[in-house]
Protein backbone atom coordinates (compact mmCIF):
# COMPACT_ATOMS: atom_id res chain seq x y z
CA MET A 1 64.79 -32.74 80.94
CA PRO A 2 67.58 -30.13 81.14
CA SER A 3 69.18 -29.16 77.85
CA SER A 4 72.44 -30.81 76.77
CA THR A 5 72.90 -28.76 73.60
CA LEU A 6 75.83 -26.42 72.93
CA VAL A 7 73.80 -23.21 72.95
CA SER A 8 70.55 -22.24 74.63
CA VAL A 9 68.66 -19.21 73.36
CA ILE A 10 66.64 -17.65 76.18
CA VAL A 11 63.46 -15.73 75.29
CA ALA A 12 61.35 -14.18 78.07
CA ALA A 13 57.84 -13.23 77.00
CA HIS A 14 55.09 -11.34 78.79
CA ASN A 15 52.08 -10.45 76.63
CA GLU A 16 54.07 -10.62 73.39
CA GLU A 17 51.38 -12.06 71.10
CA ARG A 18 52.16 -9.43 68.47
CA TYR A 19 55.86 -10.15 68.12
CA VAL A 20 56.92 -13.50 69.58
CA GLY A 21 56.10 -15.52 66.45
CA ARG A 22 58.47 -13.39 64.35
CA CYS A 23 61.16 -13.77 66.98
CA LEU A 24 60.88 -17.56 67.11
CA ARG A 25 60.75 -18.01 63.35
CA SER A 26 64.06 -16.18 63.06
CA LEU A 27 65.59 -18.39 65.75
CA LEU A 28 64.38 -21.61 64.16
CA ALA A 29 65.75 -20.54 60.77
CA GLN A 30 69.35 -20.36 61.96
CA ARG A 31 72.18 -21.80 59.85
CA PHE A 32 73.61 -23.28 63.04
CA ALA A 33 72.98 -27.03 63.28
CA ARG A 34 69.50 -27.50 64.72
CA ASP A 35 70.53 -30.30 67.07
CA LYS A 36 73.24 -28.10 68.60
CA TYR A 37 70.95 -25.45 70.07
CA ASP A 38 67.60 -25.13 71.76
CA VAL A 39 65.17 -22.26 72.21
CA ILE A 40 63.79 -21.84 75.73
CA VAL A 41 60.83 -19.51 76.03
CA ILE A 42 59.64 -18.52 79.47
CA ASP A 43 56.09 -17.22 79.43
CA ASP A 44 55.99 -14.84 82.36
CA GLY A 45 52.31 -14.96 83.28
CA SER A 46 50.99 -13.66 79.95
CA THR A 47 47.28 -12.84 79.82
CA ASP A 48 47.01 -12.40 76.05
CA ARG A 49 47.41 -15.04 73.29
CA THR A 50 51.15 -15.55 73.88
CA ALA A 51 50.67 -19.09 75.25
CA ALA A 52 48.50 -20.11 72.28
CA ILE A 53 51.09 -18.82 69.83
CA LEU A 54 53.89 -20.65 71.62
CA ALA A 55 51.86 -23.87 71.42
CA THR A 56 51.87 -23.68 67.61
CA PHE A 57 55.64 -24.22 67.61
CA GLY A 58 55.25 -27.63 69.24
CA ASP A 59 58.46 -29.46 70.07
CA ASP A 60 60.60 -26.93 68.20
CA ILE A 61 60.82 -24.88 71.38
CA THR A 62 60.84 -25.53 75.12
CA VAL A 63 58.25 -23.51 77.03
CA ILE A 64 58.44 -22.76 80.75
CA GLN A 65 55.27 -21.28 82.22
CA ASN A 66 55.26 -18.89 85.15
CA GLY A 67 51.90 -19.20 86.89
CA VAL A 68 52.15 -15.54 87.87
CA ASN A 69 54.21 -12.65 86.54
CA MET A 70 57.64 -12.97 88.19
CA GLY A 71 59.37 -10.15 86.35
CA LEU A 72 62.03 -10.23 83.65
CA PRO A 73 65.20 -10.99 85.67
CA ALA A 74 63.58 -13.80 87.68
CA SER A 75 62.23 -15.30 84.47
CA LEU A 76 65.63 -15.16 82.80
CA ASN A 77 67.27 -16.81 85.79
CA ARG A 78 64.70 -19.59 85.79
CA ALA A 79 65.36 -20.28 82.12
CA ILE A 80 69.15 -20.15 82.45
CA THR A 81 69.19 -22.58 85.37
CA SER A 82 67.00 -25.00 83.42
CA THR A 83 69.73 -25.68 80.86
CA ARG A 84 73.06 -27.48 80.73
CA SER A 85 74.21 -25.77 77.55
CA LYS A 86 77.75 -24.42 77.53
CA PHE A 87 76.65 -21.09 76.04
CA ILE A 88 73.68 -18.79 76.68
CA VAL A 89 72.36 -15.97 74.52
CA ARG A 90 69.32 -13.82 75.24
CA VAL A 91 66.90 -12.63 72.58
CA ASP A 92 63.93 -10.46 73.55
CA ALA A 93 60.52 -11.67 72.42
CA ASP A 94 59.85 -8.53 70.37
CA ASP A 95 63.16 -8.70 68.50
CA TYR A 96 64.55 -11.02 65.81
CA VAL A 97 67.92 -12.05 64.40
CA ASN A 98 69.92 -12.70 61.24
CA GLY A 99 70.23 -16.30 60.04
CA SER A 100 73.95 -16.39 60.97
CA PHE A 101 73.45 -15.01 64.47
CA LEU A 102 74.16 -18.21 66.42
CA ASP A 103 76.69 -19.57 63.96
CA VAL A 104 78.98 -16.55 64.15
CA LEU A 105 78.75 -15.97 67.90
CA TYR A 106 79.32 -19.63 68.70
CA MET A 107 82.24 -20.00 66.26
CA PHE A 108 83.94 -16.95 67.73
CA LEU A 109 83.79 -18.26 71.29
CA ALA A 110 84.44 -21.91 70.45
CA GLU A 111 87.59 -21.03 68.51
CA ASN A 112 88.76 -18.50 71.10
CA PRO A 113 88.55 -20.21 74.48
CA GLN A 114 90.53 -17.36 76.04
CA PHE A 115 87.63 -15.00 75.33
CA ASP A 116 84.67 -14.81 77.68
CA ALA A 117 81.62 -13.39 75.90
CA ALA A 118 80.87 -11.98 72.46
CA ALA A 119 78.47 -9.20 71.44
CA CYS A 120 77.35 -8.45 67.89
CA ASP A 121 76.17 -5.12 66.55
CA TYR A 122 72.47 -4.50 65.95
CA LEU A 123 70.06 -2.72 63.67
CA LEU A 124 67.37 -0.60 65.28
CA VAL A 125 64.11 -1.25 63.42
CA ASP A 126 60.59 0.10 63.64
CA ASP A 127 57.27 -1.76 63.76
CA ARG A 128 57.40 -2.24 59.98
CA GLU A 129 60.88 -3.76 60.34
CA GLU A 130 62.41 -0.85 58.48
CA VAL A 131 65.96 -0.08 59.57
CA LEU A 132 66.31 3.17 61.50
CA THR A 133 70.00 2.99 62.31
CA ARG A 134 72.93 0.65 62.89
CA SER A 135 74.43 0.60 66.38
CA ASP A 136 77.77 -0.47 67.80
CA ALA A 137 77.14 -3.01 70.60
CA MET A 138 80.07 -1.72 72.62
CA LYS A 139 79.27 2.00 72.34
CA GLU A 140 75.50 1.57 72.70
CA PRO A 141 75.09 -1.75 74.55
CA ILE A 142 71.75 -3.52 74.85
CA ALA A 143 70.63 -6.51 76.89
CA CYS A 144 70.60 -8.98 74.02
CA GLY A 145 72.83 -10.23 71.23
CA ILE A 146 75.56 -11.26 73.68
CA MET A 147 76.65 -14.89 73.93
CA PHE A 148 77.95 -15.83 77.38
CA ARG A 149 79.62 -18.90 78.79
CA THR A 150 76.97 -20.29 81.13
CA GLU A 151 79.41 -21.10 83.92
CA GLN A 152 80.51 -17.46 84.03
CA LEU A 153 76.95 -16.17 84.35
CA ILE A 154 76.45 -18.58 87.23
CA ASP A 155 79.75 -17.46 88.74
CA ILE A 156 78.58 -13.83 88.97
CA GLY A 157 75.21 -14.82 90.42
CA LEU A 158 73.00 -14.44 87.32
CA TYR A 159 70.54 -11.52 87.15
CA ASP A 160 69.69 -9.49 90.24
CA GLU A 161 65.96 -10.16 90.49
CA THR A 162 65.28 -6.85 92.24
CA PHE A 163 66.15 -4.89 89.09
CA LEU A 164 62.90 -4.76 87.12
CA ARG A 165 64.61 -2.24 84.82
CA HIS A 166 68.30 -2.01 83.92
CA GLU A 167 68.77 -5.67 84.88
CA ASP A 168 71.11 -6.01 81.90
CA ARG A 169 73.29 -3.09 82.97
CA ASP A 170 73.65 -4.47 86.48
CA LEU A 171 74.60 -7.87 85.05
CA ARG A 172 77.07 -6.29 82.65
CA LEU A 173 78.82 -4.30 85.38
CA ARG A 174 79.22 -7.39 87.55
CA PHE A 175 80.32 -9.49 84.58
CA LEU A 176 82.97 -6.96 83.52
CA ASP A 177 84.41 -6.94 87.04
CA ARG A 178 85.67 -10.47 86.38
CA TYR A 179 85.41 -11.11 82.66
CA SER A 180 85.36 -9.36 79.29
CA ILE A 181 82.93 -8.94 76.41
CA HIS A 182 84.43 -9.00 72.91
CA HIS A 183 83.05 -7.15 69.92
CA ILE A 184 81.88 -8.74 66.67
CA PRO A 185 81.18 -5.79 64.33
CA LEU A 186 78.44 -7.52 62.37
CA PRO A 187 74.82 -6.28 62.71
CA MET A 188 73.15 -9.66 63.29
CA TYR A 189 70.55 -8.58 65.88
CA ARG A 190 67.35 -6.64 65.12
CA TYR A 191 66.26 -4.45 68.03
CA ARG A 192 62.66 -3.37 67.59
CA ARG A 193 61.45 0.03 68.78
CA HIS A 194 57.71 0.28 69.49
CA ASP A 195 55.23 1.94 71.85
CA ALA A 196 55.12 -0.99 74.29
CA ASN A 197 58.87 -1.18 75.03
CA ILE A 198 59.27 -1.41 78.82
CA THR A 199 62.05 1.19 78.55
CA ASN A 200 59.33 3.75 77.73
CA ASP A 201 58.38 3.92 81.43
CA SER A 202 60.63 6.87 82.30
CA ALA A 203 59.79 6.95 86.01
CA GLU A 204 60.69 3.28 86.56
CA MET A 205 63.79 3.64 84.41
CA ALA A 206 64.95 6.60 86.51
CA ARG A 207 64.25 4.82 89.80
CA HIS A 208 66.29 1.78 88.83
CA GLU A 209 69.00 4.00 87.34
CA GLN A 210 69.51 5.46 90.81
CA ARG A 211 69.49 1.98 92.36
CA LEU A 212 72.12 0.97 89.84
CA ARG A 213 74.36 3.89 90.81
CA ASP A 214 73.86 3.19 94.51
CA LYS A 215 74.77 -0.47 94.10
CA HIS A 216 77.85 0.14 91.96
CA ASP A 217 79.35 3.18 93.71
CA GLY A 218 78.21 5.66 91.11
CA ARG A 219 78.96 3.50 88.07
CA SER A 220 76.10 3.03 85.64
CA SER A 221 77.83 1.67 82.54
């Protein structure tokens, strides 16, 4: 059944057996009322033990299985359209969050209906979860840690499924054409840097960077 909670957390996972458990434990340990949010994990055709790990969480999460690898933006769109929650926030399967992550983002938007979306700052961490640096979400934006109003994401057409890299930047540019993202200067997101980050593929990143510029008349951020 589609979600009727206030907030849906969207986690897309492809071969994330090493990290997804840590991610989900942080999401299930939120101070936000458990009956007010759900965690939707879309397993994008994983061939490792990701599915087995997701099964250990039982009814605490909702799992959507892609029979084949559809790519990140298509997976995110499938998860978003499966929910009726008023708010959507994306967390990558190899990242994790502070216990107040949902509480603060939701409170900010719920108490400020004139504001569209809210982004929190993040800590860049390594594989040992040691903090490398703190980053400002507005000066160094990332794909995650932003709570959106679901109807506004739908209004802009969700993710462009042709962008297998920089899908977040394309979404952000289109979102900011109509709406605004407000800054919460609290480092509640943990962005993990490791050897398997998809952003490490420099050739694909460059190709989609050019596509991004072509689509947005030279704009890339």
